[in-house]
Amino acid sequence: MIEARHLRVLRAVAATGSFSAAGRELGCTQPAVSQQMKALEASVGTPLLIRSGREMRLTQAGEALVRHAAGILSGLTAAEEEVAAIAGLRAGRVRLVSFPSGSSTLVPTALAALRAAHPGTRVSLEEAEPPQSVGLLREGDCDVALAFRYEGAAGAEEWDDLVVRPLLTDRLIGLVPEGHRLARTASSGSVAIGDLAQEPWIAGCPRCRGQLVEVCEGAGFTPRIDFATDDYPAVVGLVGAGLGVAVLPQLAVESVRPRGVRMLTLEPAVRREIVALTLPDLAQVPAVAATLDQLAIAAGHK
């Protein structure tokens, strides 16, 4: 195997004409230069230098290797500089996947701070709900996944192979039209979810929908879901139009302007854990680590 350090020594010998002069240029001894040249010749299996009087002269193989060494060493130098830039956060790329309410609340603050601190780092953003987002991370299609899971839900071990950065706990709140019979309790206290048993419901994303059904069944009823949409403004709009009631994460409500609705504190409390996920090896990449840090800072302001 040809080593870059041997190529550098060969170029120095070719340029200076002797082992001793090459040693002085490289800051090493003549025996060290001689030893490295012997190692290089052993690697390629042919002589590279011949002595001509007091000078060392390149063989045909030596000339070919020196000719290619310039490109090899310049490419290696460029690679070293690029890696150093990435390690020093002067460059780098992070592929982030987030669920919609995270994209509109946590992500903008985090990415603005990241750009201000490390303008050379580039972040791309795509939207996906868990478990799809987690699958993208495991398949190598993203570097960081902003995800959530509900407290007490089955499958807590699903992230055991990932680095989990806890961000915040998000409580679910109820939404009813302004003229609803329970609207007056919005500022005076909490409402049992069973009090909404006879209402038509508007449900959210598939995972949220499943959680809604599970919570309602725990309260003794099965919700009648008239509408289902992944679009949080659409959920708020349907509630505001008097077409039903809904339960949304507080983070989702913060991402829209809830007109024509009243927010209720529900009991029992249902919470979801918001986290940032990455792979163990990726957690050591400076740009990924910086992105996780900024997401945590943004979440701390909520």
C-alpha atoms as a PDB file:
ATOM      1  CA  MET A   1       0.000   0.000   0.000  1.00  0.00           C
ATOM      2  CA  ILE A   2       1.368   3.409  -0.990  1.00  0.00           C
ATOM      3  CA  GLU A   3       1.329   5.887   1.888  1.00  0.00           C
ATOM      4  CA  ALA A   4       0.999   9.636   1.424  1.00  0.00           C
ATOM      5  CA  ARG A   5       3.996  10.341   3.673  1.00  0.00           C
ATOM      6  CA  HIS A   6       6.194   8.195   1.416  1.00  0.00           C
ATOM      7  CA  LEU A   7       5.011  10.120  -1.647  1.00  0.00           C
ATOM      8  CA  ARG A   8       5.916  13.404   0.006  1.00  0.00           C
ATOM      9  CA  VAL A   9       9.429  12.109   0.719  1.00  0.00           C
ATOM     10  CA  LEU A  10       9.814  10.837  -2.844  1.00  0.00           C
ATOM     11  CA  ARG A  11       8.866  14.245  -4.236  1.00  0.00           C
ATOM     12  CA  ALA A  12      11.387  15.913  -1.944  1.00  0.00           C
ATOM     13  CA  VAL A  13      14.161  13.535  -3.059  1.00  0.00           C
ATOM     14  CA  ALA A  14      13.263  14.129  -6.702  1.00  0.00           C
ATOM     15  CA  ALA A  15      13.319  17.909  -6.175  1.00  0.00           C
ATOM     16  CA  THR A  16      16.558  18.105  -4.142  1.00  0.00           C
ATOM     17  CA  GLY A  17      18.521  15.217  -5.671  1.00  0.00           C
ATOM     18  CA  SER A  18      19.657  13.573  -2.421  1.00  0.00           C
ATOM     19  CA  PHE A  19      18.426  11.944   0.770  1.00  0.00           C
ATOM     20  CA  SER A  20      20.251  14.422   2.983  1.00  0.00           C
ATOM     21  CA  ALA A  21      18.875  17.484   1.168  1.00  0.00           C
ATOM     22  CA  ALA A  22      15.365  16.003   1.236  1.00  0.00           C
ATOM     23  CA  GLY A  23      15.775  15.372   4.964  1.00  0.00           C
ATOM     24  CA  ARG A  24      16.718  18.998   5.566  1.00  0.00           C
ATOM     25  CA  GLU A  25      13.685  20.167   3.588  1.00  0.00           C
ATOM     26  CA  LEU A  26      11.330  17.841   5.443  1.00  0.00           C
ATOM     27  CA  GLY A  27      12.888  18.306   8.855  1.00  0.00           C
ATOM     28  CA  CYS A  28      14.029  14.707   9.321  1.00  0.00           C
ATOM     29  CA  THR A  29      17.288  12.745   9.164  1.00  0.00           C
ATOM     30  CA  GLN A  30      18.942  11.217   6.104  1.00  0.00           C
ATOM     31  CA  PRO A  31      18.523   7.649   7.484  1.00  0.00           C
ATOM     32  CA  ALA A  32      14.796   8.328   7.973  1.00  0.00           C
ATOM     33  CA  VAL A  33      14.461   9.393   4.338  1.00  0.00           C
ATOM     34  CA  SER A  34      16.362   6.320   3.179  1.00  0.00           C
ATOM     35  CA  GLN A  35      14.154   4.037   5.290  1.00  0.00           C
ATOM     36  CA  GLN A  36      10.947   5.532   3.894  1.00  0.00           C
ATOM     37  CA  MET A  37      12.189   5.174   0.319  1.00  0.00           C
ATOM     38  CA  LYS A  38      12.992   1.508   0.927  1.00  0.00           C
ATOM     39  CA  ALA A  39       9.489   1.027   2.333  1.00  0.00           C
ATOM     40  CA  LEU A  40       7.947   2.717  -0.714  1.00  0.00           C
ATOM     41  CA  GLU A  41       9.967   0.591  -3.145  1.00  0.00           C
ATOM     42  CA  ALA A  42       8.890  -2.525  -1.247  1.00  0.00           C
ATOM     43  CA  SER A  43       5.252  -1.411  -1.580  1.00  0.00           C
ATOM     44  CA  VAL A  44       5.406  -0.916  -5.350  1.00  0.00           C
ATOM     45  CA  GLY A  45       7.757  -3.852  -5.973  1.00  0.00           C
ATOM     46  CA  THR A  46      10.289  -2.022  -8.147  1.00  0.00           C
ATOM     47  CA  PRO A  47      13.214   0.412  -7.725  1.00  0.00           C
ATOM     48  CA  LEU A  48      12.252   4.086  -7.827  1.00  0.00           C
ATOM     49  CA  LEU A  49      15.668   5.710  -7.348  1.00  0.00           C
ATOM     50  CA  ILE A  50      19.188   5.000  -8.535  1.00  0.00           C
ATOM     51  CA  ARG A  51      22.366   6.702  -7.388  1.00  0.00           C
ATOM     52  CA  SER A  52      24.207   8.710 -10.040  1.00  0.00           C
ATOM     53  CA  GLY A  53      27.394  10.086  -8.558  1.00  0.00           C
ATOM     54  CA  ARG A  54      26.385  12.155  -5.539  1.00  0.00           C
ATOM     55  CA  GLU A  55      22.773  12.544  -6.674  1.00  0.00           C
ATOM     56  CA  MET A  56      19.739  10.291  -6.673  1.00  0.00           C
ATOM     57  CA  ARG A  57      18.009   9.898 -10.016  1.00  0.00           C
ATOM     58  CA  LEU A  58      14.466   8.644 -10.636  1.00  0.00           C
ATOM     59  CA  THR A  59      13.866   5.436 -12.507  1.00  0.00           C
ATOM     60  CA  GLN A  60      11.077   5.306 -15.075  1.00  0.00           C
ATOM     61  CA  ALA A  61       8.762   3.942 -12.378  1.00  0.00           C
ATOM     62  CA  GLY A  62       9.901   6.699 -10.033  1.00  0.00           C
ATOM     63  CA  GLU A  63       9.121   9.361 -12.644  1.00  0.00           C
ATOM     64  CA  ALA A  64       5.634   7.935 -13.147  1.00  0.00           C
ATOM     65  CA  LEU A  65       4.965   7.880  -9.423  1.00  0.00           C
ATOM     66  CA  VAL A  66       6.192  11.457  -8.918  1.00  0.00           C
ATOM     67  CA  ARG A  67       4.006  12.574 -11.809  1.00  0.00           C
ATOM     68  CA  HIS A  68       0.920  11.076 -10.161  1.00  0.00           C
ATOM     69  CA  ALA A  69       1.977  12.100  -6.648  1.00  0.00           C
ATOM     70  CA  ALA A  70       1.176  15.757  -7.308  1.00  0.00           C
ATOM     71  CA  GLY A  71      -2.479  15.001  -8.022  1.00  0.00           C
ATOM     72  CA  ILE A  72      -2.744  12.478  -5.180  1.00  0.00           C
ATOM     73  CA  LEU A  73      -1.240  14.813  -2.583  1.00  0.00           C
ATOM     74  CA  SER A  74      -3.192  17.859  -3.723  1.00  0.00           C
ATOM     75  CA  GLY A  75      -6.406  15.836  -3.581  1.00  0.00           C
ATOM     76  CA  LEU A  76      -5.511  14.588  -0.124  1.00  0.00           C
ATOM     77  CA  THR A  77      -4.775  18.137   1.039  1.00  0.00           C
ATOM     78  CA  ALA A  78      -8.135  19.298  -0.286  1.00  0.00           C
ATOM     79  CA  ALA A  79      -9.848  16.407   1.485  1.00  0.00           C
ATOM     80  CA  GLU A  80      -8.066  17.216   4.747  1.00  0.00           C
ATOM     81  CA  GLU A  81      -9.100  20.863   4.493  1.00  0.00           C
ATOM     82  CA  GLU A  82     -12.721  19.944   3.774  1.00  0.00           C
ATOM     83  CA  VAL A  83     -12.861  17.536   6.700  1.00  0.00           C
ATOM     84  CA  ALA A  84     -11.269  20.148   8.956  1.00  0.00           C
ATOM     85  CA  ALA A  85     -13.908  22.660   7.837  1.00  0.00           C
ATOM     86  CA  ILE A  86     -16.705  20.224   8.640  1.00  0.00           C
ATOM     87  CA  ALA A  87     -15.159  19.344  12.001  1.00  0.00           C
ATOM     88  CA  GLY A  88     -14.804  23.034  12.783  1.00  0.00           C
ATOM     89  CA  LEU A  89     -18.409  23.786  11.704  1.00  0.00           C
ATOM     90  CA  ARG A  90     -17.187  26.042   8.887  1.00  0.00           C
ATOM     91  CA  ALA A  91     -19.031  23.643   6.582  1.00  0.00           C
ATOM     92  CA  GLY A  92     -21.342  20.668   6.834  1.00  0.00           C
ATOM     93  CA  ARG A  93     -24.800  19.434   5.948  1.00  0.00           C
ATOM     94  CA  VAL A  94     -27.654  18.174   8.107  1.00  0.00           C
ATOM     95  CA  ARG A  95     -30.810  16.548   6.739  1.00  0.00           C
ATOM     96  CA  LEU A  96     -33.649  17.194   9.196  1.00  0.00           C
ATOM     97  CA  VAL A  97     -37.077  15.539   9.164  1.00  0.00           C
ATOM     98  CA  SER A  98     -39.827  16.922  11.399  1.00  0.00           C
ATOM     99  CA  PHE A  99     -43.537  16.507  12.038  1.00  0.00           C
ATOM    100  CA  PRO A 100     -45.596  19.573  10.941  1.00  0.00           C
ATOM    101  CA  SER A 101     -46.192  21.303  14.284  1.00  0.00           C
ATOM    102  CA  GLY A 102     -42.501  20.924  15.106  1.00  0.00           C
ATOM    103  CA  SER A 103     -41.595  22.389  11.710  1.00  0.00           C
ATOM    104  CA  SER A 104     -43.587  25.549  12.413  1.00  0.00           C
ATOM    105  CA  THR A 105     -42.585  26.081  16.067  1.00  0.00           C
ATOM    106  CA  LEU A 106     -39.263  24.539  17.166  1.00  0.00           C
ATOM    107  CA  VAL A 107     -37.462  24.217  13.838  1.00  0.00           C
ATOM    108  CA  PRO A 108     -37.448  27.864  12.652  1.00  0.00           C
ATOM    109  CA  THR A 109     -35.978  29.146  15.937  1.00  0.00           C
ATOM    110  CA  ALA A 110     -33.379  26.382  16.064  1.00  0.00           C
ATOM    111  CA  LEU A 111     -32.252  26.759  12.455  1.00  0.00           C
ATOM    112  CA  ALA A 112     -32.045  30.542  12.661  1.00  0.00           C
ATOM    113  CA  ALA A 113     -29.757  30.236  15.687  1.00  0.00           C
ATOM    114  CA  LEU A 114     -27.694  27.534  13.971  1.00  0.00           C
ATOM    115  CA  ARG A 115     -27.218  29.690  10.866  1.00  0.00           C
ATOM    116  CA  ALA A 116     -26.190  32.682  12.966  1.00  0.00           C
ATOM    117  CA  ALA A 117     -23.610  30.638  14.891  1.00  0.00           C
ATOM    118  CA  HIS A 118     -22.364  28.489  11.998  1.00  0.00           C
ATOM    119  CA  PRO A 119     -23.243  30.113   8.642  1.00  0.00           C
ATOM    120  CA  GLY A 120     -21.313  27.459   6.710  1.00  0.00           C
ATOM    121  CA  THR A 121     -23.596  24.660   7.915  1.00  0.00           C
ATOM    122  CA  ARG A 122     -26.494  23.846   5.582  1.00  0.00           C
ATOM    123  CA  VAL A 123     -29.707  22.209   6.791  1.00  0.00           C
ATOM    124  CA  SER A 124     -32.421  20.723   4.597  1.00  0.00           C
ATOM    125  CA  LEU A 125     -35.933  20.092   5.958  1.00  0.00           C
ATOM    126  CA  GLU A 126     -38.583  17.536   5.057  1.00  0.00           C
ATOM    127  CA  GLU A 127     -41.822  16.722   6.857  1.00  0.00           C
ATOM    128  CA  ALA A 128     -42.905  13.287   8.038  1.00  0.00           C
ATOM    129  CA  GLU A 129     -44.778  11.968  11.051  1.00  0.00           C
ATOM    130  CA  PRO A 130     -43.370   9.180  13.198  1.00  0.00           C
ATOM    131  CA  PRO A 131     -42.907   6.276  12.675  1.00  0.00           C
ATOM    132  CA  GLN A 132     -42.131   7.222   9.041  1.00  0.00           C
ATOM    133  CA  SER A 133     -39.584   9.827  10.126  1.00  0.00           C
ATOM    134  CA  VAL A 134     -37.826   7.296  12.364  1.00  0.00           C
ATOM    135  CA  GLY A 135     -37.702   4.870   9.459  1.00  0.00           C
ATOM    136  CA  LEU A 136     -36.075   7.538   7.266  1.00  0.00           C
ATOM    137  CA  LEU A 137     -33.398   8.009   9.929  1.00  0.00           C
ATOM    138  CA  ARG A 138     -32.632   4.295  10.176  1.00  0.00           C
ATOM    139  CA  GLU A 139     -32.509   3.974   6.372  1.00  0.00           C
ATOM    140  CA  GLY A 140     -29.941   6.757   6.101  1.00  0.00           C
ATOM    141  CA  ASP A 141     -32.286   9.250   4.406  1.00  0.00           C
ATOM    142  CA  CYS A 142     -31.917  11.877   7.130  1.00  0.00           C
ATOM    143  CA  ASP A 143     -29.524  12.795   9.939  1.00  0.00           C
ATOM    144  CA  VAL A 144     -31.922  14.094  12.603  1.00  0.00           C
ATOM    145  CA  ALA A 145     -35.589  13.223  13.114  1.00  0.00           C
ATOM    146  CA  LEU A 146     -37.868  15.376  15.243  1.00  0.00           C
ATOM    147  CA  ALA A 147     -40.433  12.924  16.607  1.00  0.00           C
ATOM    148  CA  PHE A 148     -42.907  12.299  19.411  1.00  0.00           C
ATOM    149  CA  ARG A 149     -44.491   9.494  21.383  1.00  0.00           C
ATOM    150  CA  TYR A 150     -47.343   9.479  23.852  1.00  0.00           C
ATOM    151  CA  GLU A 151     -46.736   8.848  27.536  1.00  0.00           C
ATOM    152  CA  GLY A 152     -47.614   5.323  28.536  1.00  0.00           C
ATOM    153  CA  ALA A 153     -48.071   4.154  24.948  1.00  0.00           C
ATOM    154  CA  ALA A 154     -46.773   0.738  23.908  1.00  0.00           C
ATOM    155  CA  GLY A 155     -43.531   0.486  21.974  1.00  0.00           C
ATOM    156  CA  ALA A 156     -41.297   2.607  24.209  1.00  0.00           C
ATOM    157  CA  GLU A 157     -38.384   0.385  23.213  1.00  0.00           C
ATOM    158  CA  GLU A 158     -38.723   1.378  19.547  1.00  0.00           C
ATOM    159  CA  TRP A 159     -35.956   3.988  19.950  1.00  0.00           C
ATOM    160  CA  ASP A 160     -33.516   1.862  21.971  1.00  0.00           C
ATOM    161  CA  ASP A 161     -30.974   1.784  19.129  1.00  0.00           C
ATOM    162  CA  LEU A 162     -31.044   5.568  18.642  1.00  0.00           C
ATOM    163  CA  VAL A 163     -29.635   8.587  20.435  1.00  0.00           C
ATOM    164  CA  VAL A 164     -32.665  10.274  22.037  1.00  0.00           C
ATOM    165  CA  ARG A 165     -32.458  13.986  22.909  1.00  0.00           C
ATOM    166  CA  PRO A 166     -35.520  14.906  25.031  1.00  0.00           C
ATOM    167  CA  LEU A 167     -36.874  18.354  24.125  1.00  0.00           C
ATOM    168  CA  LEU A 168     -40.190  19.002  25.850  1.00  0.00           C
ATOM    169  CA  THR A 169     -43.448  17.503  27.074  1.00  0.00           C
ATOM    170  CA  ASP A 170     -46.491  18.613  25.110  1.00  0.00           C
ATOM    171  CA  ARG A 171     -49.949  18.376  26.693  1.00  0.00           C
ATOM    172  CA  LEU A 172     -53.031  17.684  24.603  1.00  0.00           C
ATOM    173  CA  ILE A 173     -55.815  20.241  24.859  1.00  0.00           C
ATOM    174  CA  GLY A 174     -59.445  20.143  23.795  1.00  0.00           C
ATOM    175  CA  LEU A 175     -60.973  22.422  21.170  1.00  0.00           C
ATOM    176  CA  VAL A 176     -64.675  23.295  21.002  1.00  0.00           C
ATOM    177  CA  PRO A 177     -66.602  25.939  19.011  1.00  0.00           C
ATOM    178  CA  GLU A 178     -67.040  29.311  20.732  1.00  0.00           C
ATOM    179  CA  GLY A 179     -70.740  28.695  21.204  1.00  0.00           C
ATOM    180  CA  HIS A 180     -70.327  25.205  22.657  1.00  0.00           C
ATOM    181  CA  ARG A 181     -71.964  24.385  25.986  1.00  0.00           C
ATOM    182  CA  LEU A 182     -68.519  23.767  27.560  1.00  0.00           C
ATOM    183  CA  ALA A 183     -66.871  26.897  26.142  1.00  0.00           C
ATOM    184  CA  ARG A 184     -67.418  28.806  29.386  1.00  0.00           C
ATOM    185  CA  THR A 185     -65.285  26.330  31.305  1.00  0.00           C
ATOM    186  CA  ALA A 186     -62.246  27.223  29.190  1.00  0.00           C
ATOM    187  CA  SER A 187     -61.097  29.777  31.755  1.00  0.00           C
ATOM    188  CA  SER A 188     -62.620  28.320  34.888  1.00  0.00           C
ATOM    189  CA  GLY A 189     -61.280  24.766  35.088  1.00  0.00           C
ATOM    190  CA  SER A 190     -60.733  21.426  33.436  1.00  0.00           C
ATOM    191  CA  VAL A 191     -63.161  19.218  31.543  1.00  0.00           C
ATOM    192  CA  ALA A 192     -63.364  15.434  31.644  1.00  0.00           C
ATOM    193  CA  ILE A 193     -62.932  13.981  28.170  1.00  0.00           C
ATOM    194  CA  GLY A 194     -66.038  11.876  28.869  1.00  0.00           C
ATOM    195  CA  ASP A 195     -68.082  15.099  28.785  1.00  0.00           C
ATOM    196  CA  LEU A 196     -67.449  15.108  25.023  1.00  0.00           C
ATOM    197  CA  ALA A 197     -68.592  11.522  24.475  1.00  0.00           C
ATOM    198  CA  GLN A 198     -71.650  12.456  22.399  1.00  0.00           C
ATOM    199  CA  GLU A 199     -69.895  15.004  20.217  1.00  0.00           C
ATOM    200  CA  PRO A 200     -68.785  14.555  16.595  1.00  0.00           C
ATOM    201  CA  TRP A 201     -64.987  14.536  16.451  1.00  0.00           C
ATOM    202  CA  ILE A 202     -62.354  15.880  14.101  1.00  0.00           C
ATOM    203  CA  ALA A 203     -59.200  13.761  14.280  1.00  0.00           C
ATOM    204  CA  GLY A 204     -55.609  14.481  13.313  1.00  0.00           C
ATOM    205  CA  CYS A 205     -52.711  12.393  12.008  1.00  0.00           C
ATOM    206  CA  PRO A 206     -53.002   8.578  12.102  1.00  0.00           C
ATOM    207  CA  ARG A 207     -50.866   8.256  15.256  1.00  0.00           C
ATOM    208  CA  CYS A 208     -52.803  11.059  16.983  1.00  0.00           C
ATOM    209  CA  ARG A 209     -56.066   9.497  15.818  1.00  0.00           C
ATOM    210  CA  GLY A 210     -55.113   6.185  17.381  1.00  0.00           C
ATOM    211  CA  GLN A 211     -54.192   7.909  20.623  1.00  0.00           C
ATOM    212  CA  LEU A 212     -57.536   9.760  20.653  1.00  0.00           C
ATOM    213  CA  VAL A 213     -59.490   6.532  20.273  1.00  0.00           C
ATOM    214  CA  GLU A 214     -57.431   4.870  23.013  1.00  0.00           C
ATOM    215  CA  VAL A 215     -57.987   7.746  25.466  1.00  0.00           C
ATOM    216  CA  CYS A 216     -61.705   7.960  24.742  1.00  0.00           C
ATOM    217  CA  GLU A 217     -62.166   4.221  25.121  1.00  0.00           C
ATOM    218  CA  GLY A 218     -60.355   4.479  28.436  1.00  0.00           C
ATOM    219  CA  ALA A 219     -63.014   7.003  29.454  1.00  0.00           C
ATOM    220  CA  GLY A 220     -65.772   4.590  28.450  1.00  0.00           C
ATOM    221  CA  PHE A 221     -66.798   5.659  24.962  1.00  0.00           C
ATOM    222  CA  THR A 222     -65.759   5.373  21.327  1.00  0.00           C
ATOM    223  CA  PRO A 223     -65.507   8.746  19.551  1.00  0.00           C
ATOM    224  CA  ARG A 224     -67.605   9.321  16.450  1.00  0.00           C
ATOM    225  CA  ILE A 225     -65.008  10.674  14.029  1.00  0.00           C
ATOM    226  CA  ASP A 226     -66.724  12.649  11.275  1.00  0.00           C
ATOM    227  CA  PHE A 227     -63.582  14.233   9.804  1.00  0.00           C
ATOM    228  CA  ALA A 228     -59.893  13.296   9.779  1.00  0.00           C
ATOM    229  CA  THR A 229     -57.078  15.458   8.471  1.00  0.00           C
ATOM    230  CA  ASP A 230     -53.344  15.823   9.005  1.00  0.00           C
ATOM    231  CA  ASP A 231     -53.650  19.582   8.514  1.00  0.00           C
ATOM    232  CA  TYR A 232     -53.864  21.337  11.891  1.00  0.00           C
ATOM    233  CA  PRO A 233     -55.327  24.608  10.544  1.00  0.00           C
ATOM    234  CA  ALA A 234     -58.033  22.513   8.885  1.00  0.00           C
ATOM    235  CA  VAL A 235     -58.829  20.858  12.248  1.00  0.00           C
ATOM    236  CA  VAL A 236     -59.154  24.270  13.898  1.00  0.00           C
ATOM    237  CA  GLY A 237     -61.234  25.564  11.010  1.00  0.00           C
ATOM    238  CA  LEU A 238     -63.659  22.637  11.189  1.00  0.00           C
ATOM    239  CA  VAL A 239     -64.071  23.081  14.952  1.00  0.00           C
ATOM    240  CA  GLY A 240     -64.543  26.821  14.532  1.00  0.00           C
ATOM    241  CA  ALA A 241     -67.291  26.175  11.987  1.00  0.00           C
ATOM    242  CA  GLY A 242     -69.170  24.130  14.577  1.00  0.00           C
ATOM    243  CA  LEU A 243     -68.656  20.800  12.867  1.00  0.00           C
ATOM    244  CA  GLY A 244     -67.250  18.990  15.877  1.00  0.00           C
ATOM    245  CA  VAL A 245     -64.700  18.959  18.690  1.00  0.00           C
ATOM    246  CA  ALA A 246     -61.070  17.943  18.642  1.00  0.00           C
ATOM    247  CA  VAL A 247     -58.013  17.242  20.742  1.00  0.00           C
ATOM    248  CA  LEU A 248     -54.694  18.669  19.562  1.00  0.00           C
ATOM    249  CA  PRO A 249     -51.214  18.945  21.062  1.00  0.00           C
ATOM    250  CA  GLN A 250     -50.553  22.382  22.491  1.00  0.00           C
ATOM    251  CA  LEU A 251     -47.578  22.735  20.153  1.00  0.00           C
ATOM    252  CA  ALA A 252     -49.905  22.241  17.190  1.00  0.00           C
ATOM    253  CA  VAL A 253     -52.302  24.927  18.416  1.00  0.00           C
ATOM    254  CA  GLU A 254     -49.363  27.339  18.775  1.00  0.00           C
ATOM    255  CA  SER A 255     -48.583  26.810  15.097  1.00  0.00           C
ATOM    256  CA  VAL A 256     -51.983  28.128  13.905  1.00  0.00           C
ATOM    257  CA  ARG A 257     -54.263  31.058  14.715  1.00  0.00           C
ATOM    258  CA  PRO A 258     -57.227  29.405  16.459  1.00  0.00           C
ATOM    259  CA  ARG A 259     -60.206  31.538  15.442  1.00  0.00           C
ATOM    260  CA  GLY A 260     -63.732  30.719  16.504  1.00  0.00           C
ATOM    261  CA  VAL A 261     -62.674  28.072  19.035  1.00  0.00           C
ATOM    262  CA  ARG A 262     -62.158  27.759  22.762  1.00  0.00           C
ATOM    263  CA  MET A 263     -59.381  25.694  24.298  1.00  0.00           C
ATOM    264  CA  LEU A 264     -60.145  23.332  27.172  1.00  0.00           C
ATOM    265  CA  THR A 265     -57.909  21.702  29.744  1.00  0.00           C
ATOM    266  CA  LEU A 266     -58.770  18.005  29.579  1.00  0.00           C
ATOM    267  CA  GLU A 267     -58.648  15.405  32.310  1.00  0.00           C
ATOM    268  CA  PRO A 268     -57.118  12.918  32.508  1.00  0.00           C
ATOM    269  CA  ALA A 269     -54.080  14.741  31.150  1.00  0.00           C
ATOM    270  CA  VAL A 270     -52.607  13.252  27.995  1.00  0.00           C
ATOM    271  CA  ARG A 271     -49.064  14.227  27.098  1.00  0.00           C
ATOM    272  CA  ARG A 272     -46.615  13.463  24.350  1.00  0.00           C
ATOM    273  CA  GLU A 273     -42.851  13.520  24.591  1.00  0.00           C
ATOM    274  CA  ILE A 274     -41.119  15.579  21.895  1.00  0.00           C
ATOM    275  CA  VAL A 275     -37.591  14.381  21.093  1.00  0.00           C
ATOM    276  CA  ALA A 276     -34.832  14.730  18.527  1.00  0.00           C
ATOM    277  CA  LEU A 277     -33.409  11.433  17.295  1.00  0.00           C
ATOM    278  CA  THR A 278     -30.203  10.524  15.525  1.00  0.00           C
ATOM    279  CA  LEU A 279     -27.954   7.501  15.045  1.00  0.00           C
ATOM    280  CA  PRO A 280     -25.080   6.935  17.507  1.00  0.00           C
ATOM    281  CA  ASP A 281     -22.385   7.522  14.876  1.00  0.00           C
ATOM    282  CA  LEU A 282     -24.088  10.664  13.569  1.00  0.00           C
ATOM    283  CA  ALA A 283     -24.268  12.117  17.080  1.00  0.00           C
ATOM    284  CA  GLN A 284     -20.472  12.573  16.911  1.00  0.00           C
ATOM    285  CA  VAL A 285     -20.685  14.716  13.750  1.00  0.00           C
ATOM    286  CA  PRO A 286     -20.244  18.384  14.797  1.00  0.00           C
ATOM    287  CA  ALA A 287     -23.010  19.783  12.568  1.00  0.00           C
ATOM    288  CA  VAL A 288     -25.498  17.168  13.818  1.00  0.00           C
ATOM    289  CA  ALA A 289     -24.532  17.787  17.452  1.00  0.00           C
ATOM    290  CA  ALA A 290     -24.957  21.543  16.955  1.00  0.00           C
ATOM    291  CA  THR A 291     -28.411  21.005  15.429  1.00  0.00           C
ATOM    292  CA  LEU A 292     -29.486  18.886  18.412  1.00  0.00           C
ATOM    293  CA  ASP A 293     -28.228  21.585  20.784  1.00  0.00           C
ATOM    294  CA  GLN A 294     -30.174  24.344  19.016  1.00  0.00           C
ATOM    295  CA  LEU A 295     -33.370  22.265  18.972  1.00  0.00           C
ATOM    296  CA  ALA A 296     -32.999  21.753  22.737  1.00  0.00           C
ATOM    297  CA  ILE A 297     -32.480  25.492  23.281  1.00  0.00           C
ATOM    298  CA  ALA A 298     -35.536  26.322  21.151  1.00  0.00           C
ATOM    299  CA  ALA A 299     -37.629  23.814  23.099  1.00  0.00           C
ATOM    300  CA  GLY A 300     -36.482  25.349  26.373  1.00  0.00           C
ATOM    301  CA  HIS A 301     -38.104  28.628  25.378  1.00  0.00           C
ATOM    302  CA  LYS A 302     -41.525  27.008  24.975  1.00  0.00           C
END
